[in-house]
Amino acid sequence: MRQSRIAAVMAALACTLTGCGTFVPDFGEFYDTAVPESLVDAIVSHVHCEVKSQVEFLILDDIDLARRAAAAARSSPRRHLGCDSK
């Protein structure tokens, strides 16, 4: 009895989930009157701006770290740990 109940629940669950992903829903809400293409363009523009901003941040951060490393190297002598020099 228990196995048949579990099998029935699993079959019902499988039938319920088989419709997922069979079609692409409309982009936008039913109450929104904006043209979907303009919304997609706005999203693409925003993502482009965010990626550009993060790349610029990484480049400036890398330059700052290089300056700090150069300043630290000038203030303390570098030691080579691989070989003994004679």
PDB file of N, CA and C in Angstrom:
ATOM      1  N   MET A   1       0.824  -1.198   0.000  1.00  0.00           N
ATOM      2  CA  MET A   1       0.000   0.000   0.000  1.00  0.00           C
ATOM      3  C   MET A   1       0.865   1.257   0.000  1.00  0.00           C
ATOM      4  N   ARG A   2       1.894   1.242   0.835  1.00  0.00           N
ATOM      5  CA  ARG A   2       2.763   2.411   0.956  1.00  0.00           C
ATOM      6  C   ARG A   2       3.529   2.662  -0.348  1.00  0.00           C
ATOM      7  N   GLN A   3       3.999   1.584  -0.987  1.00  0.00           N
ATOM      8  CA  GLN A   3       4.745   1.743  -2.231  1.00  0.00           C
ATOM      9  C   GLN A   3       3.851   2.254  -3.360  1.00  0.00           C
ATOM     10  N   SER A   4       2.615   1.817  -3.384  1.00  0.00           N
ATOM     11  CA  SER A   4       1.713   2.289  -4.436  1.00  0.00           C
ATOM     12  C   SER A   4       1.359   3.761  -4.232  1.00  0.00           C
ATOM     13  N   ARG A   5       1.270   4.192  -2.984  1.00  0.00           N
ATOM     14  CA  ARG A   5       0.996   5.609  -2.692  1.00  0.00           C
ATOM     15  C   ARG A   5       2.181   6.470  -3.110  1.00  0.00           C
ATOM     16  N   ILE A   6       3.384   5.991  -2.811  1.00  0.00           N
ATOM     17  CA  ILE A   6       4.592   6.730  -3.200  1.00  0.00           C
ATOM     18  C   ILE A   6       4.695   6.784  -4.717  1.00  0.00           C
ATOM     19  N   ALA A   7       4.385   5.664  -5.373  1.00  0.00           N
ATOM     20  CA  ALA A   7       4.430   5.624  -6.830  1.00  0.00           C
ATOM     21  C   ALA A   7       3.404   6.591  -7.435  1.00  0.00           C
ATOM     22  N   ALA A   8       2.229   6.675  -6.831  1.00  0.00           N
ATOM     23  CA  ALA A   8       1.194   7.581  -7.330  1.00  0.00           C
ATOM     24  C   ALA A   8       1.618   9.034  -7.155  1.00  0.00           C
ATOM     25  N   VAL A   9       2.222   9.355  -6.024  1.00  0.00           N
ATOM     26  CA  VAL A   9       2.701  10.723  -5.782  1.00  0.00           C
ATOM     27  C   VAL A   9       3.809  11.069  -6.772  1.00  0.00           C
ATOM     28  N   MET A  10       4.733  10.142  -6.989  1.00  0.00           N
ATOM     29  CA  MET A  10       5.827  10.390  -7.926  1.00  0.00           C
ATOM     30  C   MET A  10       5.298  10.556  -9.355  1.00  0.00           C
ATOM     31  N   ALA A  11       4.296   9.763  -9.744  1.00  0.00           N
ATOM     32  CA  ALA A  11       3.713   9.885 -11.073  1.00  0.00           C
ATOM     33  C   ALA A  11       3.001  11.227 -11.227  1.00  0.00           C
ATOM     34  N   ALA A  12       2.284  11.640 -10.196  1.00  0.00           N
ATOM     35  CA  ALA A  12       1.601  12.938 -10.246  1.00  0.00           C
ATOM     36  C   ALA A  12       2.608  14.073 -10.330  1.00  0.00           C
ATOM     37  N   LEU A  13       3.688  13.964  -9.570  1.00  0.00           N
ATOM     38  CA  LEU A  13       4.730  14.985  -9.595  1.00  0.00           C
ATOM     39  C   LEU A  13       5.403  15.038 -10.971  1.00  0.00           C
ATOM     40  N   ALA A  14       5.658  13.871 -11.543  1.00  0.00           N
ATOM     41  CA  ALA A  14       6.284  13.823 -12.867  1.00  0.00           C
ATOM     42  C   ALA A  14       5.366  14.438 -13.922  1.00  0.00           C
ATOM     43  N   CYS A  15       4.073  14.150 -13.838  1.00  0.00           N
ATOM     44  CA  CYS A  15       3.129  14.722 -14.809  1.00  0.00           C
ATOM     45  C   CYS A  15       3.013  16.232 -14.642  1.00  0.00           C
ATOM     46  N   THR A  16       3.105  16.701 -13.412  1.00  0.00           N
ATOM     47  CA  THR A  16       3.012  18.134 -13.150  1.00  0.00           C
ATOM     48  C   THR A  16       4.213  18.871 -13.712  1.00  0.00           C
ATOM     49  N   LEU A  17       5.398  18.286 -13.589  1.00  0.00           N
ATOM     50  CA  LEU A  17       6.622  18.965 -14.001  1.00  0.00           C
ATOM     51  C   LEU A  17       6.967  18.784 -15.474  1.00  0.00           C
ATOM     52  N   THR A  18       6.244  17.962 -16.201  1.00  0.00           N
ATOM     53  CA  THR A  18       6.590  17.748 -17.602  1.00  0.00           C
ATOM     54  C   THR A  18       6.320  18.962 -18.468  1.00  0.00           C
ATOM     55  N   GLY A  19       5.472  19.870 -18.043  1.00  0.00           N
ATOM     56  CA  GLY A  19       5.158  21.054 -18.827  1.00  0.00           C
ATOM     57  C   GLY A  19       6.161  22.180 -18.637  1.00  0.00           C
ATOM     58  N   CYS A  20       7.090  22.043 -17.704  1.00  0.00           N
ATOM     59  CA  CYS A  20       8.060  23.109 -17.446  1.00  0.00           C
ATOM     60  C   CYS A  20       9.022  23.248 -18.617  1.00  0.00           C
ATOM     61  N   GLY A  21       9.197  24.447 -19.082  1.00  0.00           N
ATOM     62  CA  GLY A  21      10.155  24.728 -20.132  1.00  0.00           C
ATOM     63  C   GLY A  21       9.684  24.385 -21.528  1.00  0.00           C
ATOM     64  N   THR A  22       8.400  24.182 -21.718  1.00  0.00           N
ATOM     65  CA  THR A  22       7.922  23.832 -23.054  1.00  0.00           C
ATOM     66  C   THR A  22       7.683  25.060 -23.924  1.00  0.00           C
ATOM     67  N   PHE A  23       7.610  26.244 -23.312  1.00  0.00           N
ATOM     68  CA  PHE A  23       7.457  27.469 -24.097  1.00  0.00           C
ATOM     69  C   PHE A  23       8.139  28.612 -23.359  1.00  0.00           C
ATOM     70  N   VAL A  24       8.461  29.640 -24.110  1.00  0.00           N
ATOM     71  CA  VAL A  24       9.092  30.827 -23.536  1.00  0.00           C
ATOM     72  C   VAL A  24       8.002  31.841 -23.237  1.00  0.00           C
ATOM     73  N   PRO A  25       7.902  32.277 -21.985  1.00  0.00           N
ATOM     74  CA  PRO A  25       6.855  33.245 -21.664  1.00  0.00           C
ATOM     75  C   PRO A  25       7.165  34.615 -22.251  1.00  0.00           C
ATOM     76  N   ASP A  26       6.144  35.437 -22.341  1.00  0.00           N
ATOM     77  CA  ASP A  26       6.333  36.800 -22.829  1.00  0.00           C
ATOM     78  C   ASP A  26       7.214  37.580 -21.871  1.00  0.00           C
ATOM     79  N   PHE A  27       8.008  38.480 -22.438  1.00  0.00           N
ATOM     80  CA  PHE A  27       8.883  39.309 -21.631  1.00  0.00           C
ATOM     81  C   PHE A  27       8.118  40.543 -21.187  1.00  0.00           C
ATOM     82  N   GLY A  28       8.003  40.737 -19.924  1.00  0.00           N
ATOM     83  CA  GLY A  28       7.291  41.884 -19.398  1.00  0.00           C
ATOM     84  C   GLY A  28       6.076  41.458 -18.598  1.00  0.00           C
ATOM     85  N   GLU A  29       5.480  42.404 -17.946  1.00  0.00           N
ATOM     86  CA  GLU A  29       4.312  42.149 -17.125  1.00  0.00           C
ATOM     87  C   GLU A  29       3.054  42.550 -17.895  1.00  0.00           C
ATOM     88  N   PHE A  30       1.935  42.012 -17.465  1.00  0.00           N
ATOM     89  CA  PHE A  30       0.684  42.299 -18.169  1.00  0.00           C
ATOM     90  C   PHE A  30       0.263  43.761 -18.012  1.00  0.00           C
ATOM     91  N   TYR A  31       0.694  44.395 -16.935  1.00  0.00           N
ATOM     92  CA  TYR A  31       0.309  45.785 -16.693  1.00  0.00           C
ATOM     93  C   TYR A  31       1.302  46.771 -17.302  1.00  0.00           C
ATOM     94  N   ASP A  32       2.429  46.284 -17.782  1.00  0.00           N
ATOM     95  CA  ASP A  32       3.462  47.158 -18.342  1.00  0.00           C
ATOM     96  C   ASP A  32       3.161  47.435 -19.810  1.00  0.00           C
ATOM     97  N   THR A  33       3.140  48.700 -20.173  1.00  0.00           N
ATOM     98  CA  THR A  33       2.824  49.064 -21.551  1.00  0.00           C
ATOM     99  C   THR A  33       4.070  49.388 -22.369  1.00  0.00           C
ATOM    100  N   ALA A  34       5.260  49.301 -21.747  1.00  0.00           N
ATOM    101  CA  ALA A  34       6.496  49.612 -22.465  1.00  0.00           C
ATOM    102  C   ALA A  34       6.781  48.529 -23.509  1.00  0.00           C
ATOM    103  N   VAL A  35       7.434  48.927 -24.550  1.00  0.00           N
ATOM    104  CA  VAL A  35       7.811  47.997 -25.606  1.00  0.00           C
ATOM    105  C   VAL A  35       8.930  47.101 -25.068  1.00  0.00           C
ATOM    106  N   PRO A  36       8.807  45.777 -25.175  1.00  0.00           N
ATOM    107  CA  PRO A  36       9.827  44.885 -24.616  1.00  0.00           C
ATOM    108  C   PRO A  36      11.219  45.094 -25.194  1.00  0.00           C
ATOM    109  N   GLU A  37      11.315  45.472 -26.462  1.00  0.00           N
ATOM    110  CA  GLU A  37      12.625  45.678 -27.063  1.00  0.00           C
ATOM    111  C   GLU A  37      13.387  46.802 -26.359  1.00  0.00           C
ATOM    112  N   SER A  38      12.674  47.855 -25.978  1.00  0.00           N
ATOM    113  CA  SER A  38      13.347  48.952 -25.287  1.00  0.00           C
ATOM    114  C   SER A  38      13.798  48.515 -23.899  1.00  0.00           C
ATOM    115  N   LEU A  39      13.050  47.646 -23.252  1.00  0.00           N
ATOM    116  CA  LEU A  39      13.446  47.126 -21.948  1.00  0.00           C
ATOM    117  C   LEU A  39      14.679  46.245 -22.077  1.00  0.00           C
ATOM    118  N   VAL A  40      14.723  45.417 -23.094  1.00  0.00           N
ATOM    119  CA  VAL A  40      15.891  44.567 -23.335  1.00  0.00           C
ATOM    120  C   VAL A  40      17.107  45.434 -23.640  1.00  0.00           C
ATOM    121  N   ASP A  41      16.936  46.460 -24.446  1.00  0.00           N
ATOM    122  CA  ASP A  41      18.044  47.366 -24.757  1.00  0.00           C
ATOM    123  C   ASP A  41      18.554  48.064 -23.500  1.00  0.00           C
ATOM    124  N   ALA A  42      17.649  48.452 -22.616  1.00  0.00           N
ATOM    125  CA  ALA A  42      18.056  49.100 -21.368  1.00  0.00           C
ATOM    126  C   ALA A  42      18.846  48.140 -20.487  1.00  0.00           C
ATOM    127  N   ILE A  43      18.433  46.894 -20.429  1.00  0.00           N
ATOM    128  CA  ILE A  43      19.150  45.898 -19.624  1.00  0.00           C
ATOM    129  C   ILE A  43      20.537  45.646 -20.209  1.00  0.00           C
ATOM    130  N   VAL A  44      20.621  45.506 -21.516  1.00  0.00           N
ATOM    131  CA  VAL A  44      21.918  45.281 -22.169  1.00  0.00           C
ATOM    132  C   VAL A  44      22.844  46.466 -21.934  1.00  0.00           C
ATOM    133  N   SER A  45      22.315  47.662 -22.038  1.00  0.00           N
ATOM    134  CA  SER A  45      23.120  48.867 -21.805  1.00  0.00           C
ATOM    135  C   SER A  45      23.627  48.923 -20.367  1.00  0.00           C
ATOM    136  N   HIS A  46      22.771  48.572 -19.430  1.00  0.00           N
ATOM    137  CA  HIS A  46      23.176  48.589 -18.019  1.00  0.00           C
ATOM    138  C   HIS A  46      24.260  47.550 -17.744  1.00  0.00           C
ATOM    139  N   VAL A  47      24.103  46.356 -18.288  1.00  0.00           N
ATOM    140  CA  VAL A  47      25.112  45.306 -18.090  1.00  0.00           C
ATOM    141  C   VAL A  47      26.433  45.729 -18.712  1.00  0.00           C
ATOM    142  N   HIS A  48      26.378  46.323 -19.901  1.00  0.00           N
ATOM    143  CA  HIS A  48      27.594  46.810 -20.559  1.00  0.00           C
ATOM    144  C   HIS A  48      28.294  47.849 -19.692  1.00  0.00           C
ATOM    145  N   CYS A  49      27.542  48.757 -19.129  1.00  0.00           N
ATOM    146  CA  CYS A  49      28.103  49.798 -18.274  1.00  0.00           C
ATOM    147  C   CYS A  49      28.731  49.194 -17.017  1.00  0.00           C
ATOM    148  N   GLU A  50      28.076  48.221 -16.405  1.00  0.00           N
ATOM    149  CA  GLU A  50      28.607  47.589 -15.198  1.00  0.00           C
ATOM    150  C   GLU A  50      29.899  46.833 -15.487  1.00  0.00           C
ATOM    151  N   VAL A  51      29.949  46.113 -16.597  1.00  0.00           N
ATOM    152  CA  VAL A  51      31.159  45.369 -16.946  1.00  0.00           C
ATOM    153  C   VAL A  51      32.306  46.334 -17.205  1.00  0.00           C
ATOM    154  N   LYS A  52      32.033  47.414 -17.932  1.00  0.00           N
ATOM    155  CA  LYS A  52      33.062  48.420 -18.206  1.00  0.00           C
ATOM    156  C   LYS A  52      33.586  49.028 -16.911  1.00  0.00           C
ATOM    157  N   SER A  53      32.692  49.324 -16.001  1.00  0.00           N
ATOM    158  CA  SER A  53      33.082  49.910 -14.719  1.00  0.00           C
ATOM    159  C   SER A  53      33.970  48.954 -13.924  1.00  0.00           C
ATOM    160  N   GLN A  54      33.623  47.690 -13.907  1.00  0.00           N
ATOM    161  CA  GLN A  54      34.413  46.731 -13.146  1.00  0.00           C
ATOM    162  C   GLN A  54      35.784  46.491 -13.771  1.00  0.00           C
ATOM    163  N   VAL A  55      35.867  46.485 -15.088  1.00  0.00           N
ATOM    164  CA  VAL A  55      37.163  46.330 -15.747  1.00  0.00           C
ATOM    165  C   VAL A  55      38.052  47.533 -15.440  1.00  0.00           C
ATOM    166  N   GLU A  56      37.493  48.726 -15.498  1.00  0.00           N
ATOM    167  CA  GLU A  56      38.262  49.927 -15.151  1.00  0.00           C
ATOM    168  C   GLU A  56      38.723  49.866 -13.697  1.00  0.00           C
ATOM    169  N   PHE A  57      37.859  49.403 -12.803  1.00  0.00           N
ATOM    170  CA  PHE A  57      38.233  49.284 -11.398  1.00  0.00           C
ATOM    171  C   PHE A  57      39.388  48.300 -11.230  1.00  0.00           C
ATOM    172  N   LEU A  58      39.336  47.165 -11.911  1.00  0.00           N
ATOM    173  CA  LEU A  58      40.403  46.177 -11.791  1.00  0.00           C
ATOM    174  C   LEU A  58      41.725  46.709 -12.334  1.00  0.00           C
ATOM    175  N   ILE A  59      41.680  47.443 -13.428  1.00  0.00           N
ATOM    176  CA  ILE A  59      42.907  48.004 -13.986  1.00  0.00           C
ATOM    177  C   ILE A  59      43.504  49.027 -13.038  1.00  0.00           C
ATOM    178  N   LEU A  60      42.682  49.919 -12.505  1.00  0.00           N
ATOM    179  CA  LEU A  60      43.189  50.930 -11.568  1.00  0.00           C
ATOM    180  C   LEU A  60      43.692  50.295 -10.280  1.00  0.00           C
ATOM    181  N   ASP A  61      43.033  49.248  -9.815  1.00  0.00           N
ATOM    182  CA  ASP A  61      43.476  48.538  -8.616  1.00  0.00           C
ATOM    183  C   ASP A  61      44.814  47.853  -8.872  1.00  0.00           C
ATOM    184  N   ASP A  62      44.989  47.281 -10.050  1.00  0.00           N
ATOM    185  CA  ASP A  62      46.248  46.629 -10.399  1.00  0.00           C
ATOM    186  C   ASP A  62      47.384  47.645 -10.463  1.00  0.00           C
ATOM    187  N   ILE A  63      47.118  48.823 -11.024  1.00  0.00           N
ATOM    188  CA  ILE A  63      48.138  49.874 -11.076  1.00  0.00           C
ATOM    189  C   ILE A  63      48.520  50.308  -9.673  1.00  0.00           C
ATOM    190  N   ASP A  64      47.537  50.458  -8.800  1.00  0.00           N
ATOM    191  CA  ASP A  64      47.809  50.854  -7.415  1.00  0.00           C
ATOM    192  C   ASP A  64      48.635  49.797  -6.693  1.00  0.00           C
ATOM    193  N   LEU A  65      48.302  48.535  -6.881  1.00  0.00           N
ATOM    194  CA  LEU A  65      49.069  47.461  -6.244  1.00  0.00           C
ATOM    195  C   LEU A  65      50.496  47.410  -6.775  1.00  0.00           C
ATOM    196  N   ALA A  66      50.694  47.674  -8.060  1.00  0.00           N
ATOM    197  CA  ALA A  66      52.040  47.691  -8.626  1.00  0.00           C
ATOM    198  C   ALA A  66      52.857  48.836  -8.039  1.00  0.00           C
ATOM    199  N   ARG A  67      52.230  50.000  -7.863  1.00  0.00           N
ATOM    200  CA  ARG A  67      52.943  51.132  -7.242  1.00  0.00           C
ATOM    201  C   ARG A  67      53.339  50.817  -5.808  1.00  0.00           C
ATOM    202  N   ARG A  68      52.426  50.185  -5.061  1.00  0.00           N
ATOM    203  CA  ARG A  68      52.737  49.818  -3.672  1.00  0.00           C
ATOM    204  C   ARG A  68      53.857  48.790  -3.613  1.00  0.00           C
ATOM    205  N   ALA A  69      53.844  47.828  -4.515  1.00  0.00           N
ATOM    206  CA  ALA A  69      54.894  46.811  -4.537  1.00  0.00           C
ATOM    207  C   ALA A  69      56.234  47.430  -4.898  1.00  0.00           C
ATOM    208  N   ALA A  70      56.241  48.375  -5.833  1.00  0.00           N
ATOM    209  CA  ALA A  70      57.483  49.052  -6.219  1.00  0.00           C
ATOM    210  C   ALA A  70      58.007  49.896  -5.065  1.00  0.00           C
ATOM    211  N   ALA A  71      57.122  50.565  -4.344  1.00  0.00           N
ATOM    212  CA  ALA A  71      57.550  51.374  -3.200  1.00  0.00           C
ATOM    213  C   ALA A  71      58.091  50.481  -2.085  1.00  0.00           C
ATOM    214  N   ALA A  72      57.478  49.341  -1.871  1.00  0.00           N
ATOM    215  CA  ALA A  72      57.958  48.423  -0.844  1.00  0.00           C
ATOM    216  C   ALA A  72      59.302  47.813  -1.243  1.00  0.00           C
ATOM    217  N   ALA A  73      59.505  47.573  -2.513  1.00  0.00           N
ATOM    218  CA  ALA A  73      60.768  47.006  -2.981  1.00  0.00           C
ATOM    219  C   ALA A  73      61.902  48.011  -2.854  1.00  0.00           C
ATOM    220  N   ARG A  74      61.608  49.292  -3.036  1.00  0.00           N
ATOM    221  CA  ARG A  74      62.643  50.315  -2.888  1.00  0.00           C
ATOM    222  C   ARG A  74      63.001  50.532  -1.430  1.00  0.00           C
ATOM    223  N   SER A  75      62.032  50.381  -0.543  1.00  0.00           N
ATOM    224  CA  SER A  75      62.311  50.661   0.864  1.00  0.00           C
ATOM    225  C   SER A  75      63.023  49.504   1.551  1.00  0.00           C
ATOM    226  N   SER A  76      62.846  48.285   1.098  1.00  0.00           N
ATOM    227  CA  SER A  76      63.562  47.149   1.691  1.00  0.00           C
ATOM    228  C   SER A  76      64.232  46.357   0.579  1.00  0.00           C
ATOM    229  N   PRO A  77      65.472  45.960   0.792  1.00  0.00           N
ATOM    230  CA  PRO A  77      66.173  45.218  -0.258  1.00  0.00           C
ATOM    231  C   PRO A  77      65.531  43.842  -0.476  1.00  0.00           C
ATOM    232  N   ARG A  78      65.522  43.434  -1.703  1.00  0.00           N
ATOM    233  CA  ARG A  78      64.949  42.123  -2.028  1.00  0.00           C
ATOM    234  C   ARG A  78      65.991  41.046  -1.752  1.00  0.00           C
ATOM    235  N   ARG A  79      65.514  39.927  -1.308  1.00  0.00           N
ATOM    236  CA  ARG A  79      66.416  38.802  -1.035  1.00  0.00           C
ATOM    237  C   ARG A  79      66.023  37.653  -1.950  1.00  0.00           C
ATOM    238  N   HIS A  80      67.054  37.048  -2.511  1.00  0.00           N
ATOM    239  CA  HIS A  80      66.827  35.887  -3.364  1.00  0.00           C
ATOM    240  C   HIS A  80      67.075  34.656  -2.494  1.00  0.00           C
ATOM    241  N   LEU A  81      66.063  33.815  -2.358  1.00  0.00           N
ATOM    242  CA  LEU A  81      66.154  32.676  -1.463  1.00  0.00           C
ATOM    243  C   LEU A  81      66.592  31.403  -2.179  1.00  0.00           C
ATOM    244  N   GLY A  82      66.754  31.450  -3.476  1.00  0.00           N
ATOM    245  CA  GLY A  82      67.036  30.231  -4.225  1.00  0.00           C
ATOM    246  C   GLY A  82      68.479  29.780  -4.167  1.00  0.00           C
ATOM    247  N   CYS A  83      69.437  30.684  -4.310  1.00  0.00           N
ATOM    248  CA  CYS A  83      70.850  30.309  -4.398  1.00  0.00           C
ATOM    249  C   CYS A  83      71.665  31.206  -3.486  1.00  0.00           C
ATOM    250  N   ASP A  84      72.790  30.675  -3.059  1.00  0.00           N
ATOM    251  CA  ASP A  84      73.744  31.504  -2.296  1.00  0.00           C
ATOM    252  C   ASP A  84      74.658  32.175  -3.282  1.00  0.00           C
ATOM    253  N   SER A  85      74.870  33.454  -3.131  1.00  0.00           N
ATOM    254  CA  SER A  85      75.774  34.165  -4.008  1.00  0.00           C
ATOM    255  C   SER A  85      77.134  34.249  -3.348  1.00  0.00           C
ATOM    256  N   LYS A  86      78.208  34.058  -4.135  1.00  0.00           N
ATOM    257  CA  LYS A  86      79.580  34.078  -3.589  1.00  0.00           C
ATOM    258  C   LYS A  86      80.350  35.231  -4.109  1.00  0.00           C
TER     259      LYS A  86
END
